[in-house]
Amino acid sequence: MHGFLLAFALILPLGPQNTFVLTQAATQKRWRCVLPIVITAALSDTALIVLAIGGVSLIVLAIPFLRLVLSAAGVLFLAYMGFKTWTADSRAGEANGSAASWTPARKIRHSLTVSLLNPHAIMDTIVVIGGGAAVYGTMSDRWTYAAAATLVSWVWFFGLSLAGRIVYRAARSDAARRTLDRASAILMWLIAAGYAWQLGRSVVS
């Protein structure tokens, strides 16, 4: 229950990873076209959780400066991803204003980018989930906790892709999809602003 609730609380906010899964599901004509993205995102989270439980979290927690660097990088990453999402339609005329025509390889690469190169995703997984494992004295308890957290990721991303199909039916026009992209970009910028404010407070204190 601890692993389930903690992972759910961390994965719920719509950051770059969730937004990419949702928008891709909302722009694909068939649900199976979004499966490479869903599986890549879930496998990426699984890898981060395994690394965290395996001991990487102890290194990050022991170096406060590294946490500050990851936080600052996270702000820049979210700001950049927001910009890319906002301008996606103007850069991709061959894709009819969206990423719907991306090849599976490109979808997987982008999913890996928003999953593994997002410093705040690393912080959430390595520091929070990895730190939570420290309360368990045996490896069997730790891996049970990790399995619960991993299950949340798999269920969440598949559920998010199905939710995207509902959005697809309501957003068939290019204008509606551009609105969805811009809403996603604004959300990422707001999250980046919140992280920047928290970072500023931690530096001052």
Protein backbone atom coordinates (compact mmCIF):
# COMPACT_ATOMS: atom_id res chain seq x y z
CA MET A 1 0.00 0.00 0.00
CA HIS A 2 2.90 2.36 0.78
CA GLY A 3 4.48 1.83 -2.64
CA PHE A 4 1.13 2.08 -4.40
CA LEU A 5 0.03 5.34 -2.77
CA LEU A 6 3.44 7.03 -3.04
CA ALA A 7 3.85 6.16 -6.71
CA PHE A 8 0.29 7.26 -7.49
CA ALA A 9 0.83 10.63 -5.80
CA LEU A 10 4.03 11.19 -7.81
CA ILE A 11 2.70 10.08 -11.19
CA LEU A 12 -0.64 11.92 -11.02
CA PRO A 13 0.55 15.45 -12.01
CA LEU A 14 0.57 15.95 -15.80
CA GLY A 15 4.25 16.56 -16.51
CA PRO A 16 6.02 16.02 -19.87
CA GLN A 17 5.80 12.22 -19.70
CA ASN A 18 2.08 12.04 -18.92
CA THR A 19 1.30 14.85 -21.34
CA PHE A 20 3.13 13.12 -24.18
CA VAL A 21 1.28 9.84 -23.61
CA LEU A 22 -2.07 11.62 -23.43
CA THR A 23 -1.57 13.85 -26.46
CA GLN A 24 -0.23 10.99 -28.57
CA ALA A 25 -3.22 8.83 -27.65
CA ALA A 26 -5.47 11.77 -28.55
CA THR A 27 -3.91 12.18 -32.01
CA GLN A 28 -3.54 8.57 -33.14
CA LYS A 29 -6.26 7.00 -35.25
CA ARG A 30 -5.71 3.58 -33.68
CA TRP A 31 -4.95 2.73 -30.05
CA ARG A 32 -2.23 0.25 -30.99
CA CYS A 33 -0.21 3.10 -32.50
CA VAL A 34 0.36 4.56 -29.03
CA LEU A 35 1.43 1.25 -27.47
CA PRO A 36 5.19 1.78 -28.17
CA ILE A 37 5.00 5.03 -26.19
CA VAL A 38 3.05 3.47 -23.32
CA ILE A 39 5.38 0.49 -22.99
CA THR A 40 8.51 2.67 -23.25
CA ALA A 41 7.25 5.04 -20.53
CA ALA A 42 6.33 2.15 -18.23
CA LEU A 43 9.65 0.37 -18.79
CA SER A 44 11.54 3.61 -18.14
CA ASP A 45 9.79 4.09 -14.81
CA THR A 46 10.47 0.46 -13.95
CA ALA A 47 14.18 0.91 -14.65
CA LEU A 48 14.36 4.06 -12.50
CA ILE A 49 12.56 2.37 -9.62
CA VAL A 50 14.84 -0.67 -9.78
CA LEU A 51 17.91 1.61 -9.75
CA ALA A 52 16.48 3.56 -6.82
CA ILE A 53 15.78 0.47 -4.73
CA GLY A 54 19.17 -0.91 -5.77
CA GLY A 55 21.00 1.90 -3.99
CA VAL A 56 21.32 4.86 -6.36
CA SER A 57 19.01 6.90 -4.11
CA LEU A 58 21.59 6.71 -1.29
CA ILE A 59 24.14 8.48 -3.50
CA VAL A 60 21.77 11.28 -4.47
CA LEU A 61 20.53 11.78 -0.91
CA ALA A 62 24.11 12.01 0.33
CA ILE A 63 24.98 14.90 -2.02
CA PRO A 64 22.69 17.94 -1.42
CA PHE A 65 24.39 19.90 -4.24
CA LEU A 66 23.42 17.16 -6.71
CA ARG A 67 19.79 17.54 -5.69
CA LEU A 68 19.98 21.29 -6.39
CA VAL A 69 21.54 20.66 -9.79
CA LEU A 70 18.82 18.14 -10.69
CA SER A 71 16.12 20.58 -9.55
CA ALA A 72 17.56 23.42 -11.66
CA ALA A 73 17.93 21.11 -14.65
CA GLY A 74 14.32 20.03 -14.15
CA VAL A 75 13.08 23.61 -14.39
CA LEU A 76 15.00 24.16 -17.64
CA PHE A 77 13.84 20.82 -19.03
CA LEU A 78 10.17 21.58 -18.37
CA ALA A 79 10.50 25.06 -19.85
CA TYR A 80 12.13 23.61 -22.99
CA MET A 81 9.58 20.80 -23.36
CA GLY A 82 6.79 23.36 -22.98
CA PHE A 83 8.31 25.41 -25.79
CA LYS A 84 8.64 22.35 -28.03
CA THR A 85 5.02 21.39 -27.37
CA TRP A 86 3.74 24.92 -28.00
CA THR A 87 5.56 25.19 -31.35
CA ALA A 88 5.10 21.56 -32.45
CA ASP A 89 2.49 22.34 -35.11
CA SER A 90 4.52 25.15 -36.69
CA ARG A 91 7.63 22.94 -37.00
CA ALA A 92 5.96 19.83 -38.33
CA GLY A 93 3.97 20.72 -41.38
CA GLU A 94 4.58 17.30 -42.83
CA ALA A 95 2.77 15.85 -39.84
CA ASN A 96 -0.36 17.95 -40.44
CA GLY A 97 0.19 20.01 -37.32
CA SER A 98 0.70 17.13 -34.89
CA ALA A 99 2.93 14.19 -34.02
CA ALA A 100 0.32 11.73 -35.30
CA SER A 101 2.48 10.67 -38.25
CA TRP A 102 5.65 10.00 -36.25
CA THR A 103 7.31 6.64 -36.87
CA PRO A 104 7.36 4.11 -33.98
CA ALA A 105 11.12 4.68 -33.57
CA ARG A 106 10.64 8.43 -33.18
CA LYS A 107 7.81 7.91 -30.70
CA ILE A 108 10.02 5.62 -28.62
CA ARG A 109 12.94 8.08 -28.71
CA HIS A 110 10.75 10.94 -27.56
CA SER A 111 9.15 8.81 -24.86
CA LEU A 112 12.64 7.91 -23.60
CA THR A 113 13.56 11.60 -23.58
CA VAL A 114 10.62 12.72 -21.45
CA SER A 115 10.98 9.66 -19.21
CA LEU A 116 14.72 9.29 -18.58
CA LEU A 117 16.10 12.77 -19.30
CA ASN A 118 13.57 14.59 -17.12
CA PRO A 119 15.54 15.54 -13.98
CA HIS A 120 12.38 15.93 -11.90
CA ALA A 121 11.20 12.45 -12.87
CA ILE A 122 14.59 11.21 -11.70
CA MET A 123 14.24 13.15 -8.46
CA ASP A 124 10.75 11.78 -7.82
CA THR A 125 11.77 8.20 -8.52
CA ILE A 126 15.30 8.05 -7.14
CA VAL A 127 14.91 10.34 -4.14
CA VAL A 128 11.27 9.94 -3.06
CA ILE A 129 10.55 6.31 -3.99
CA GLY A 130 14.11 5.22 -3.29
CA GLY A 131 14.13 7.06 0.01
CA GLY A 132 10.83 5.45 0.97
CA ALA A 133 12.42 2.02 0.65
CA ALA A 134 14.81 2.87 3.49
CA VAL A 135 12.11 2.17 6.09
CA TYR A 136 12.15 -1.55 5.21
CA GLY A 137 14.75 -3.75 6.80
CA THR A 138 14.63 -6.75 4.43
CA MET A 139 15.19 -6.90 0.68
CA SER A 140 11.97 -8.86 0.19
CA ASP A 141 9.97 -6.00 1.75
CA ARG A 142 11.83 -3.45 -0.37
CA TRP A 143 11.18 -5.29 -3.62
CA THR A 144 7.53 -5.82 -2.71
CA TYR A 145 7.31 -2.05 -2.18
CA ALA A 146 9.08 -1.52 -5.54
CA ALA A 147 6.73 -3.95 -7.31
CA ALA A 148 3.70 -2.02 -6.06
CA ALA A 149 5.18 1.29 -7.27
CA THR A 150 6.02 -0.25 -10.64
CA LEU A 151 2.52 -1.65 -11.06
CA VAL A 152 1.12 1.86 -10.65
CA SER A 153 3.18 3.08 -13.61
CA TRP A 154 2.02 0.31 -15.92
CA VAL A 155 -1.64 0.66 -14.99
CA TRP A 156 -1.47 4.46 -15.14
CA PHE A 157 0.09 4.74 -18.59
CA PHE A 158 -2.28 2.20 -20.14
CA GLY A 159 -5.21 4.00 -18.50
CA LEU A 160 -3.92 7.36 -19.70
CA SER A 161 -3.70 6.08 -23.27
CA LEU A 162 -7.31 4.88 -23.07
CA ALA A 163 -8.34 8.29 -21.73
CA GLY A 164 -6.60 9.79 -24.74
CA ARG A 165 -8.95 7.86 -27.01
CA ILE A 166 -11.86 9.72 -25.43
CA VAL A 167 -10.04 12.99 -26.09
CA TYR A 168 -9.42 11.86 -29.70
CA ARG A 169 -13.13 11.55 -30.34
CA ALA A 170 -13.69 15.06 -29.01
CA ALA A 171 -10.67 16.65 -30.70
CA ARG A 172 -10.68 15.49 -34.31
CA SER A 173 -10.02 18.93 -35.78
CA ASP A 174 -6.53 20.41 -36.13
CA ALA A 175 -7.64 23.47 -34.15
CA ALA A 176 -8.73 21.33 -31.20
CA ARG A 177 -5.43 19.44 -31.25
CA ARG A 178 -3.44 22.67 -31.34
CA THR A 179 -5.45 23.84 -28.34
CA LEU A 180 -4.57 20.60 -26.54
CA ASP A 181 -0.87 21.08 -27.33
CA ARG A 182 -0.90 24.66 -26.06
CA ALA A 183 -2.76 23.70 -22.90
CA SER A 184 -0.13 21.02 -22.29
CA ALA A 185 2.67 23.54 -22.83
CA ILE A 186 1.12 26.03 -20.40
CA LEU A 187 0.76 23.29 -17.80
CA MET A 188 4.45 22.37 -18.11
CA TRP A 189 5.45 26.03 -17.75
CA LEU A 190 3.32 26.37 -14.62
CA ILE A 191 4.93 23.26 -13.13
CA ALA A 192 8.37 24.64 -14.02
CA ALA A 193 7.49 27.92 -12.29
CA GLY A 194 6.42 26.02 -9.18
CA TYR A 195 9.66 24.04 -9.14
CA ALA A 196 11.67 27.24 -9.65
CA TRP A 197 9.94 28.84 -6.67
CA GLN A 198 10.68 25.80 -4.51
CA LEU A 199 14.29 25.81 -5.70
CA GLY A 200 14.64 29.49 -4.85
CA ARG A 201 13.32 28.89 -1.35
CA SER A 202 15.73 26.01 -0.76
CA VAL A 203 18.69 28.08 -1.97
CA VAL A 204 17.77 31.07 0.23
CA SER A 205 17.21 28.89 3.29
